[in-house]
Amino acid sequence: MKMLLKKKSIILSLALVIILAAACYYYFAIYNSVRDVRTHPDYKGYSTGEALFSDAQLIVIGRPIKDFEDREMTIRTLENDIPVDFYTLTEIEVEKVLKGSEEDASNLKVIEPTALKQTLSGKEKLAIGDYTEMKSGSSYIIFMKKNTYGQYSVINLQAGKFNLDGTDPDDVYDESENKQNIFSELKTSQYLQ
């Protein structure tokens, strides 16, 4: 009787360890994994620094305050859970206003065309085109326009924000010749003075 009870106890303990290991594996390896989902962009693009500068309503140098996962995200979906609209509101600590109103730059929340969606098979990082989110603490020059709701959003997708301090490995210039050309033009012009 004691032997049978001990055997049941060992089998129960082993089953609990296996269940706990499987749950840990699922949580860390699957549920918290991130998969990129890119949509086709439909936007007004700018091929020169002059065009980007003149069409922007607000241009600032600033740093995102929060990590991407901690920002306010909105995802609107159809009934079958297919995303139709998504964005992230990124709070920016503004260091300098290059164009636009100082008042608009205070308590600035910038719309970025990306968001995280949690699913049972992991997180999906939704993004329009090649856009990557701004990193917390990294310094950027950000080109924006107001939308119909009066909120500022990044224009020109990935070539509408430029990492200034080299701390964002996703914001590289040599992968996008257009972005590199725009930034080179902006640096050598009177626009960023």
Protein backbone atom coordinates (compact mmCIF):
# COMPACT_ATOMS: atom_id res chain seq x y z
CA MET A 1 0.00 0.00 0.00
CA LYS A 2 2.81 2.42 0.94
CA MET A 3 4.68 1.48 -2.21
CA LEU A 4 1.62 2.12 -4.38
CA LEU A 5 1.05 5.52 -2.71
CA LYS A 6 4.71 6.47 -3.19
CA LYS A 7 4.56 5.40 -6.86
CA LYS A 8 1.41 7.53 -7.44
CA SER A 9 3.10 10.47 -5.73
CA ILE A 10 6.17 10.16 -7.97
CA ILE A 11 4.03 9.88 -11.11
CA LEU A 12 1.93 12.89 -10.05
CA SER A 13 5.08 14.94 -9.30
CA LEU A 14 6.60 13.99 -12.64
CA ALA A 15 3.38 14.94 -14.46
CA LEU A 16 3.34 18.33 -12.71
CA VAL A 17 6.98 18.96 -13.66
CA ILE A 18 6.25 18.10 -17.30
CA ILE A 19 3.17 20.36 -17.34
CA LEU A 20 5.14 23.20 -15.72
CA ALA A 21 8.01 22.78 -18.21
CA ALA A 22 5.58 22.77 -21.14
CA ALA A 23 3.84 25.90 -19.81
CA CYS A 24 7.18 27.69 -19.35
CA TYR A 25 8.28 26.69 -22.86
CA TYR A 26 5.00 27.94 -24.33
CA TYR A 27 5.13 31.24 -22.41
CA PHE A 28 8.77 32.10 -23.12
CA ALA A 29 9.36 30.50 -26.54
CA ILE A 30 5.98 30.88 -28.23
CA TYR A 31 3.68 33.40 -26.46
CA ASN A 32 6.42 36.04 -26.10
CA SER A 33 8.01 35.48 -29.51
CA VAL A 34 7.71 38.34 -32.01
CA ARG A 35 6.95 37.93 -35.70
CA ASP A 36 7.04 40.85 -38.15
CA VAL A 37 3.91 41.44 -40.25
CA ARG A 38 4.39 44.13 -42.90
CA THR A 39 1.60 45.70 -44.93
CA HIS A 40 1.93 47.38 -48.29
CA PRO A 41 2.38 51.13 -47.85
CA ASP A 42 0.07 53.66 -49.44
CA TYR A 43 1.48 57.06 -48.57
CA LYS A 44 2.82 60.29 -50.02
CA GLY A 45 6.57 59.89 -50.29
CA TYR A 46 9.26 62.55 -50.52
CA SER A 47 12.45 61.97 -52.48
CA THR A 48 14.33 65.09 -51.37
CA GLY A 49 15.14 66.71 -48.05
CA GLU A 50 13.75 70.01 -49.32
CA ALA A 51 10.37 68.47 -50.18
CA LEU A 52 10.21 66.62 -46.84
CA PHE A 53 11.15 69.76 -44.87
CA SER A 54 8.72 72.06 -46.68
CA ASP A 55 5.71 69.72 -46.41
CA ALA A 56 6.24 68.86 -42.72
CA GLN A 57 4.18 70.92 -40.30
CA LEU A 58 6.24 70.05 -37.23
CA ILE A 59 9.90 68.99 -37.10
CA VAL A 60 11.53 68.23 -33.77
CA ILE A 61 14.62 66.66 -32.31
CA GLY A 62 13.57 64.43 -29.45
CA ARG A 63 13.64 61.10 -27.66
CA PRO A 64 10.84 58.58 -27.03
CA ILE A 65 10.14 58.37 -23.30
CA LYS A 66 8.79 54.80 -23.01
CA ASP A 67 9.85 51.42 -24.37
CA PHE A 68 7.86 50.30 -27.41
CA GLU A 69 5.93 47.61 -25.48
CA ASP A 70 4.78 50.19 -22.90
CA ARG A 71 3.36 52.70 -25.38
CA GLU A 72 -0.32 53.27 -26.16
CA MET A 73 -1.26 51.11 -29.16
CA THR A 74 -4.46 50.95 -31.17
CA ILE A 75 -5.43 48.09 -33.46
CA ARG A 76 -8.77 48.05 -35.25
CA THR A 77 -9.78 44.73 -36.78
CA LEU A 78 -12.51 43.24 -38.90
CA GLU A 79 -14.83 40.60 -37.41
CA ASN A 80 -12.41 37.84 -38.43
CA ASP A 81 -9.58 39.55 -36.47
CA ILE A 82 -7.81 40.92 -39.57
CA PRO A 83 -6.21 44.31 -38.76
CA VAL A 84 -7.50 47.22 -40.83
CA ASP A 85 -5.85 50.05 -38.91
CA PHE A 86 -3.08 50.18 -36.33
CA TYR A 87 -0.72 52.71 -34.79
CA THR A 88 1.27 53.54 -31.70
CA LEU A 89 1.24 56.85 -29.80
CA THR A 90 4.84 57.61 -28.85
CA GLU A 91 5.49 60.24 -26.20
CA ILE A 92 8.47 62.39 -27.19
CA GLU A 93 10.72 64.42 -24.92
CA VAL A 94 11.38 67.33 -27.27
CA GLU A 95 14.88 68.80 -27.18
CA LYS A 96 14.48 71.30 -30.01
CA VAL A 97 11.76 72.48 -32.42
CA LEU A 98 13.14 73.03 -35.92
CA LYS A 99 9.82 73.89 -37.57
CA GLY A 100 6.36 74.49 -36.20
CA SER A 101 4.90 75.68 -32.95
CA GLU A 102 6.62 75.25 -29.58
CA GLU A 103 3.14 74.83 -28.12
CA ASP A 104 2.42 71.83 -30.40
CA ALA A 105 5.71 70.28 -29.32
CA SER A 106 4.88 70.30 -25.61
CA ASN A 107 3.47 66.97 -24.38
CA LEU A 108 3.99 65.63 -27.91
CA LYS A 109 2.57 62.21 -28.79
CA VAL A 110 3.60 61.09 -32.27
CA ILE A 111 1.66 58.51 -34.27
CA GLU A 112 3.94 55.76 -35.56
CA PRO A 113 2.61 53.29 -38.17
CA THR A 114 3.39 50.18 -36.12
CA ALA A 115 1.87 48.22 -33.20
CA LEU A 116 2.14 44.93 -31.31
CA LYS A 117 -0.71 42.43 -31.40
CA GLN A 118 -0.72 39.53 -28.93
CA THR A 119 -1.95 36.20 -30.30
CA LEU A 120 -1.85 32.66 -28.92
CA SER A 121 1.04 31.89 -31.27
CA GLY A 122 3.08 34.91 -30.13
CA LYS A 123 3.25 38.63 -30.72
CA GLU A 124 2.86 40.10 -34.18
CA LYS A 125 4.66 43.38 -34.83
CA LEU A 126 2.45 45.10 -37.39
CA ALA A 127 4.11 47.77 -39.51
CA ILE A 128 3.46 49.66 -42.70
CA GLY A 129 6.22 48.99 -45.22
CA ASP A 130 9.72 49.03 -43.80
CA TYR A 131 8.88 51.25 -40.81
CA THR A 132 10.58 50.43 -37.50
CA GLU A 133 9.60 51.98 -34.20
CA MET A 134 11.69 54.66 -32.53
CA LYS A 135 13.73 53.29 -29.62
CA SER A 136 13.38 54.63 -26.10
CA GLY A 137 16.16 57.05 -25.19
CA SER A 138 17.49 57.32 -28.76
CA SER A 139 17.66 60.78 -30.32
CA TYR A 140 15.75 61.43 -33.57
CA ILE A 141 14.85 64.21 -35.91
CA ILE A 142 11.16 63.59 -36.66
CA PHE A 143 9.15 65.03 -39.58
CA MET A 144 5.40 65.20 -38.94
CA LYS A 145 2.04 66.40 -40.20
CA LYS A 146 -1.31 66.66 -38.46
CA ASN A 147 -3.98 64.14 -39.32
CA THR A 148 -7.70 64.95 -39.51
CA TYR A 149 -7.98 64.50 -35.71
CA GLY A 150 -5.26 67.06 -34.98
CA GLN A 151 -2.63 64.48 -34.00
CA TYR A 152 0.88 64.53 -35.41
CA SER A 153 2.17 61.50 -37.29
CA VAL A 154 5.50 60.62 -38.87
CA ILE A 155 5.48 61.32 -42.61
CA ASN A 156 7.53 59.55 -45.31
CA LEU A 157 7.57 56.29 -43.29
CA GLN A 158 11.12 55.13 -42.46
CA ALA A 159 12.61 58.18 -44.22
CA GLY A 160 10.58 60.53 -42.01
CA LYS A 161 12.66 59.97 -38.88
CA PHE A 162 16.42 59.86 -38.54
CA ASN A 163 18.39 58.50 -35.59
CA LEU A 164 20.96 61.14 -34.67
CA ASP A 165 23.06 59.39 -32.03
CA GLY A 166 23.63 56.00 -33.70
CA THR A 167 21.79 54.08 -30.96
CA ASP A 168 19.05 52.59 -33.16
CA PRO A 169 20.44 49.70 -35.23
CA ASP A 170 17.10 49.38 -37.09
CA ASP A 171 17.35 52.95 -38.39
CA VAL A 172 20.26 52.48 -40.79
CA TYR A 173 20.92 54.68 -43.76
CA ASP A 174 22.90 52.40 -46.06
CA GLU A 175 19.95 49.98 -46.53
CA SER A 176 17.81 52.74 -47.99
CA GLU A 177 19.56 54.90 -50.55
CA ASN A 178 16.62 57.35 -50.56
CA LYS A 179 16.79 57.79 -46.78
CA GLN A 180 20.55 58.26 -46.90
CA ASN A 181 20.27 60.86 -49.69
CA ILE A 182 17.55 62.79 -47.86
CA PHE A 183 19.54 62.83 -44.61
CA SER A 184 22.75 63.89 -46.37
CA GLU A 185 20.87 66.72 -48.10
CA LEU A 186 19.29 67.85 -44.82
CA LYS A 187 22.63 67.84 -42.96
CA THR A 188 24.33 70.02 -45.57
CA SER A 189 21.43 72.46 -45.93
CA GLN A 190 20.20 75.38 -43.87
CA TYR A 191 17.14 73.31 -42.79
CA LEU A 192 18.74 71.74 -39.71
CA GLN A 193 20.69 74.81 -38.59
